[in-house]
Amino acid sequence: MATIGLKRFHLASLLALIIITLLLTAAYWLAGRGWISQWHSDRQLAHALQRSEAVQQPLREFIQRTGFWPNSALDARLDENLLQADDTIEEIRIGNSSLLIVTFANQSAQLAGHTLIFIPEKLDQGEIRWRCEGGTLPQELRPASCRSSNPTVAKTLTTGQLPTLPTPVREALEQ
């Protein structure tokens, strides 16, 4: 009789241990899910920055060589492979005056359909760089290098910021 009680006790203990383990695993999974999602988004953003830099370099060289700010890959004689979609990026497009627009694919719920706009500017030394301050991607999801200290920069640009670029760039950003 005592052994039956002992067997029930061991069975109940084992069952309690299994339930506790399952609860802890579920809690760990739910708590870590946000972190994993954020890590995944960060990796996709890093990929998008890398891909945009691969487009910016030949554009920069073309602009410095010709003095012309292309409005398409054809204008700049870019390799179309640089602009091809992949698992992370739905589209990379060159807009008015070399504006780069990166649209994210639906792989990540946080980034799906959002855009990053890279705004070209010519520095005093003649160097050309792109700032990633525009687009629909929320500020909290942007990489540190793409966060503007002024949240209205992405919507309105003053003439002083882009003295060498024509009005279409500012109009494109206001849309």
C-alpha atoms as a PDB file:
ATOM      1  CA  MET A   1       0.000   0.000   0.000  1.00  0.00           C
ATOM      2  CA  ALA A   2       2.825   2.390   0.813  1.00  0.00           C
ATOM      3  CA  THR A   3       4.475   1.760  -2.546  1.00  0.00           C
ATOM      4  CA  ILE A   4       1.327   2.816  -4.422  1.00  0.00           C
ATOM      5  CA  GLY A   5       1.326   6.135  -2.564  1.00  0.00           C
ATOM      6  CA  LEU A   6       5.025   6.591  -3.284  1.00  0.00           C
ATOM      7  CA  LYS A   7       4.451   5.855  -7.001  1.00  0.00           C
ATOM      8  CA  ARG A   8       1.622   8.417  -7.104  1.00  0.00           C
ATOM      9  CA  PHE A   9       3.859  10.957  -5.389  1.00  0.00           C
ATOM     10  CA  HIS A  10       6.658  10.391  -7.945  1.00  0.00           C
ATOM     11  CA  LEU A  11       4.166  10.578 -10.825  1.00  0.00           C
ATOM     12  CA  ALA A  12       2.649  13.790  -9.464  1.00  0.00           C
ATOM     13  CA  SER A  13       6.145  15.275  -8.961  1.00  0.00           C
ATOM     14  CA  LEU A  14       7.153  14.340 -12.500  1.00  0.00           C
ATOM     15  CA  LEU A  15       3.932  15.796 -13.898  1.00  0.00           C
ATOM     16  CA  ALA A  16       4.457  19.040 -11.940  1.00  0.00           C
ATOM     17  CA  LEU A  17       8.040  19.249 -13.202  1.00  0.00           C
ATOM     18  CA  ILE A  18       6.875  18.802 -16.814  1.00  0.00           C
ATOM     19  CA  ILE A  19       4.186  21.480 -16.403  1.00  0.00           C
ATOM     20  CA  ILE A  20       6.655  23.919 -14.825  1.00  0.00           C
ATOM     21  CA  THR A  21       9.163  23.248 -17.623  1.00  0.00           C
ATOM     22  CA  LEU A  22       6.500  23.867 -20.263  1.00  0.00           C
ATOM     23  CA  LEU A  23       5.392  27.091 -18.580  1.00  0.00           C
ATOM     24  CA  LEU A  24       8.981  28.352 -18.304  1.00  0.00           C
ATOM     25  CA  THR A  25       9.651  27.456 -21.945  1.00  0.00           C
ATOM     26  CA  ALA A  26       6.504  29.269 -23.078  1.00  0.00           C
ATOM     27  CA  ALA A  27       7.410  32.338 -20.990  1.00  0.00           C
ATOM     28  CA  TYR A  28      10.947  32.350 -22.372  1.00  0.00           C
ATOM     29  CA  TRP A  29       9.630  32.012 -25.928  1.00  0.00           C
ATOM     30  CA  LEU A  30       7.115  34.838 -25.494  1.00  0.00           C
ATOM     31  CA  ALA A  31       9.656  37.127 -23.832  1.00  0.00           C
ATOM     32  CA  GLY A  32      12.353  36.406 -26.407  1.00  0.00           C
ATOM     33  CA  ARG A  33      10.059  36.748 -29.393  1.00  0.00           C
ATOM     34  CA  GLY A  34      10.268  40.561 -29.427  1.00  0.00           C
ATOM     35  CA  TRP A  35      14.025  40.411 -29.113  1.00  0.00           C
ATOM     36  CA  ILE A  36      14.304  37.917 -31.963  1.00  0.00           C
ATOM     37  CA  SER A  37      11.999  40.000 -34.137  1.00  0.00           C
ATOM     38  CA  GLN A  38      14.079  43.113 -33.426  1.00  0.00           C
ATOM     39  CA  TRP A  39      17.293  41.238 -34.213  1.00  0.00           C
ATOM     40  CA  HIS A  40      15.798  40.038 -37.491  1.00  0.00           C
ATOM     41  CA  SER A  41      14.724  43.594 -38.410  1.00  0.00           C
ATOM     42  CA  ASP A  42      18.193  44.914 -37.549  1.00  0.00           C
ATOM     43  CA  ARG A  43      19.780  42.331 -39.851  1.00  0.00           C
ATOM     44  CA  GLN A  44      17.422  43.325 -42.661  1.00  0.00           C
ATOM     45  CA  LEU A  45      18.203  47.016 -42.134  1.00  0.00           C
ATOM     46  CA  ALA A  46      21.936  46.307 -42.228  1.00  0.00           C
ATOM     47  CA  HIS A  47      21.396  44.421 -45.487  1.00  0.00           C
ATOM     48  CA  ALA A  48      19.418  47.350 -46.936  1.00  0.00           C
ATOM     49  CA  LEU A  49      22.184  49.794 -45.985  1.00  0.00           C
ATOM     50  CA  GLN A  50      24.784  47.549 -47.592  1.00  0.00           C
ATOM     51  CA  ARG A  51      22.732  47.251 -50.784  1.00  0.00           C
ATOM     52  CA  SER A  52      22.121  51.017 -50.952  1.00  0.00           C
ATOM     53  CA  GLU A  53      25.846  51.705 -50.512  1.00  0.00           C
ATOM     54  CA  ALA A  54      26.527  49.361 -53.430  1.00  0.00           C
ATOM     55  CA  VAL A  55      24.303  51.618 -55.580  1.00  0.00           C
ATOM     56  CA  GLN A  56      25.603  54.889 -54.121  1.00  0.00           C
ATOM     57  CA  GLN A  57      29.242  54.279 -55.066  1.00  0.00           C
ATOM     58  CA  PRO A  58      28.758  54.041 -58.859  1.00  0.00           C
ATOM     59  CA  LEU A  59      26.220  56.886 -58.712  1.00  0.00           C
ATOM     60  CA  ARG A  60      28.736  59.038 -56.848  1.00  0.00           C
ATOM     61  CA  GLU A  61      31.425  58.279 -59.409  1.00  0.00           C
ATOM     62  CA  PHE A  62      29.043  59.051 -62.284  1.00  0.00           C
ATOM     63  CA  ILE A  63      27.972  62.393 -60.782  1.00  0.00           C
ATOM     64  CA  GLN A  64      31.548  63.441 -60.061  1.00  0.00           C
ATOM     65  CA  ARG A  65      32.657  62.455 -63.547  1.00  0.00           C
ATOM     66  CA  THR A  66      29.771  64.062 -65.481  1.00  0.00           C
ATOM     67  CA  GLY A  67      28.254  66.686 -63.155  1.00  0.00           C
ATOM     68  CA  PHE A  68      24.811  65.207 -63.973  1.00  0.00           C
ATOM     69  CA  TRP A  69      22.439  63.969 -61.239  1.00  0.00           C
ATOM     70  CA  PRO A  70      20.737  60.955 -62.871  1.00  0.00           C
ATOM     71  CA  ASN A  71      17.040  60.212 -62.441  1.00  0.00           C
ATOM     72  CA  SER A  72      17.246  56.502 -63.247  1.00  0.00           C
ATOM     73  CA  ALA A  73      19.655  53.602 -63.481  1.00  0.00           C
ATOM     74  CA  LEU A  74      19.621  54.009 -67.251  1.00  0.00           C
ATOM     75  CA  ASP A  75      20.716  57.662 -66.952  1.00  0.00           C
ATOM     76  CA  ALA A  76      23.680  56.629 -64.794  1.00  0.00           C
ATOM     77  CA  ARG A  77      24.418  53.506 -66.861  1.00  0.00           C
ATOM     78  CA  LEU A  78      24.171  51.380 -63.725  1.00  0.00           C
ATOM     79  CA  ASP A  79      24.153  47.610 -63.732  1.00  0.00           C
ATOM     80  CA  GLU A  80      20.508  46.597 -63.236  1.00  0.00           C
ATOM     81  CA  ASN A  81      21.661  43.775 -60.929  1.00  0.00           C
ATOM     82  CA  LEU A  82      22.431  46.410 -58.274  1.00  0.00           C
ATOM     83  CA  LEU A  83      18.736  47.297 -58.126  1.00  0.00           C
ATOM     84  CA  GLN A  84      17.254  43.792 -58.147  1.00  0.00           C
ATOM     85  CA  ALA A  85      14.859  42.683 -55.433  1.00  0.00           C
ATOM     86  CA  ASP A  86      15.765  39.969 -52.941  1.00  0.00           C
ATOM     87  CA  ASP A  87      14.221  38.394 -49.830  1.00  0.00           C
ATOM     88  CA  THR A  88      14.610  41.604 -47.815  1.00  0.00           C
ATOM     89  CA  ILE A  89      14.254  44.355 -50.397  1.00  0.00           C
ATOM     90  CA  GLU A  90      11.255  44.608 -52.659  1.00  0.00           C
ATOM     91  CA  GLU A  91      12.702  47.442 -54.720  1.00  0.00           C
ATOM     92  CA  ILE A  92      15.592  49.896 -54.990  1.00  0.00           C
ATOM     93  CA  ARG A  93      14.670  52.838 -57.162  1.00  0.00           C
ATOM     94  CA  ILE A  94      16.559  55.907 -58.304  1.00  0.00           C
ATOM     95  CA  GLY A  95      14.324  58.977 -58.258  1.00  0.00           C
ATOM     96  CA  ASN A  96      14.708  62.623 -59.179  1.00  0.00           C
ATOM     97  CA  SER A  97      18.265  63.913 -58.836  1.00  0.00           C
ATOM     98  CA  SER A  98      19.708  60.587 -57.654  1.00  0.00           C
ATOM     99  CA  LEU A  99      17.321  60.139 -54.740  1.00  0.00           C
ATOM    100  CA  LEU A 100      17.480  56.456 -53.660  1.00  0.00           C
ATOM    101  CA  ILE A 101      14.314  54.781 -52.440  1.00  0.00           C
ATOM    102  CA  VAL A 102      14.562  51.360 -50.776  1.00  0.00           C
ATOM    103  CA  THR A 103      11.263  49.515 -50.259  1.00  0.00           C
ATOM    104  CA  PHE A 104      11.252  46.554 -47.881  1.00  0.00           C
ATOM    105  CA  ALA A 105       9.663  43.226 -48.792  1.00  0.00           C
ATOM    106  CA  ASN A 106       7.046  41.457 -46.683  1.00  0.00           C
ATOM    107  CA  GLN A 107       9.571  39.178 -44.970  1.00  0.00           C
ATOM    108  CA  SER A 108       9.368  41.128 -41.703  1.00  0.00           C
ATOM    109  CA  ALA A 109       6.104  42.402 -40.272  1.00  0.00           C
ATOM    110  CA  GLN A 110       7.870  45.435 -38.785  1.00  0.00           C
ATOM    111  CA  LEU A 111       9.494  46.512 -42.058  1.00  0.00           C
ATOM    112  CA  ALA A 112       7.001  45.273 -44.652  1.00  0.00           C
ATOM    113  CA  GLY A 113       6.203  47.915 -47.251  1.00  0.00           C
ATOM    114  CA  HIS A 114       8.130  50.658 -45.451  1.00  0.00           C
ATOM    115  CA  THR A 115      10.689  52.754 -47.267  1.00  0.00           C
ATOM    116  CA  LEU A 116      14.014  54.408 -46.559  1.00  0.00           C
ATOM    117  CA  ILE A 117      14.901  57.400 -48.710  1.00  0.00           C
ATOM    118  CA  PHE A 118      18.531  58.299 -49.204  1.00  0.00           C
ATOM    119  CA  ILE A 119      18.903  61.989 -49.987  1.00  0.00           C
ATOM    120  CA  PRO A 120      22.011  62.986 -51.947  1.00  0.00           C
ATOM    121  CA  GLU A 121      23.900  66.137 -51.109  1.00  0.00           C
ATOM    122  CA  LYS A 122      27.028  67.755 -52.401  1.00  0.00           C
ATOM    123  CA  LEU A 123      29.422  68.875 -49.683  1.00  0.00           C
ATOM    124  CA  ASP A 124      31.555  72.004 -49.865  1.00  0.00           C
ATOM    125  CA  GLN A 125      34.602  69.930 -50.834  1.00  0.00           C
ATOM    126  CA  GLY A 126      32.691  68.535 -53.839  1.00  0.00           C
ATOM    127  CA  GLU A 127      32.179  65.139 -52.231  1.00  0.00           C
ATOM    128  CA  ILE A 128      28.746  63.546 -52.619  1.00  0.00           C
ATOM    129  CA  ARG A 129      27.083  61.657 -49.806  1.00  0.00           C
ATOM    130  CA  TRP A 130      23.628  60.259 -49.089  1.00  0.00           C
ATOM    131  CA  ARG A 131      21.702  60.842 -45.882  1.00  0.00           C
ATOM    132  CA  CYS A 132      18.997  58.304 -45.010  1.00  0.00           C
ATOM    133  CA  GLU A 133      16.534  60.607 -43.341  1.00  0.00           C
ATOM    134  CA  GLY A 134      13.433  60.156 -45.488  1.00  0.00           C
ATOM    135  CA  GLY A 135      10.905  57.393 -45.984  1.00  0.00           C
ATOM    136  CA  THR A 136       8.065  55.774 -44.092  1.00  0.00           C
ATOM    137  CA  LEU A 137      10.132  53.615 -41.743  1.00  0.00           C
ATOM    138  CA  PRO A 138       9.402  54.752 -38.143  1.00  0.00           C
ATOM    139  CA  GLN A 139      12.279  56.484 -36.332  1.00  0.00           C
ATOM    140  CA  GLU A 140      12.522  53.774 -33.648  1.00  0.00           C
ATOM    141  CA  LEU A 141      13.176  51.093 -36.285  1.00  0.00           C
ATOM    142  CA  ARG A 142      15.828  53.032 -38.191  1.00  0.00           C
ATOM    143  CA  PRO A 143      19.527  52.329 -37.750  1.00  0.00           C
ATOM    144  CA  ALA A 144      21.329  55.000 -35.724  1.00  0.00           C
ATOM    145  CA  SER A 145      22.976  56.381 -38.858  1.00  0.00           C
ATOM    146  CA  CYS A 146      19.520  57.027 -40.344  1.00  0.00           C
ATOM    147  CA  ARG A 147      17.882  58.813 -37.427  1.00  0.00           C
ATOM    148  CA  SER A 148      17.476  62.501 -37.931  1.00  0.00           C
ATOM    149  CA  SER A 149      17.888  64.794 -34.970  1.00  0.00           C
ATOM    150  CA  ASN A 150      15.120  66.829 -36.563  1.00  0.00           C
ATOM    151  CA  PRO A 151      12.069  64.645 -37.338  1.00  0.00           C
ATOM    152  CA  THR A 152      10.759  67.105 -39.950  1.00  0.00           C
ATOM    153  CA  VAL A 153      13.878  66.811 -42.122  1.00  0.00           C
ATOM    154  CA  ALA A 154      12.399  63.900 -44.020  1.00  0.00           C
ATOM    155  CA  LYS A 155       9.338  65.931 -44.984  1.00  0.00           C
ATOM    156  CA  THR A 156      10.756  69.396 -45.626  1.00  0.00           C
ATOM    157  CA  LEU A 157      14.142  70.375 -46.879  1.00  0.00           C
ATOM    158  CA  THR A 158      15.364  73.936 -47.030  1.00  0.00           C
ATOM    159  CA  THR A 159      17.387  75.334 -49.868  1.00  0.00           C
ATOM    160  CA  GLY A 160      20.398  75.604 -47.586  1.00  0.00           C
ATOM    161  CA  GLN A 161      20.607  71.862 -47.071  1.00  0.00           C
ATOM    162  CA  LEU A 162      20.704  70.903 -50.730  1.00  0.00           C
ATOM    163  CA  PRO A 163      22.031  73.923 -52.616  1.00  0.00           C
ATOM    164  CA  THR A 164      23.109  71.965 -55.694  1.00  0.00           C
ATOM    165  CA  LEU A 165      19.906  69.971 -56.155  1.00  0.00           C
ATOM    166  CA  PRO A 166      16.843  71.163 -58.059  1.00  0.00           C
ATOM    167  CA  THR A 167      13.369  71.535 -56.623  1.00  0.00           C
ATOM    168  CA  PRO A 168      12.090  68.056 -57.699  1.00  0.00           C
ATOM    169  CA  VAL A 169      13.981  66.424 -54.828  1.00  0.00           C
ATOM    170  CA  ARG A 170      12.171  68.534 -52.260  1.00  0.00           C
ATOM    171  CA  GLU A 171       8.842  67.939 -54.050  1.00  0.00           C
ATOM    172  CA  ALA A 172       9.420  64.181 -54.045  1.00  0.00           C
ATOM    173  CA  LEU A 173      10.032  64.222 -50.298  1.00  0.00           C
ATOM    174  CA  GLU A 174       6.929  66.263 -49.558  1.00  0.00           C
ATOM    175  CA  GLN A 175       4.675  63.636 -51.129  1.00  0.00           C
END
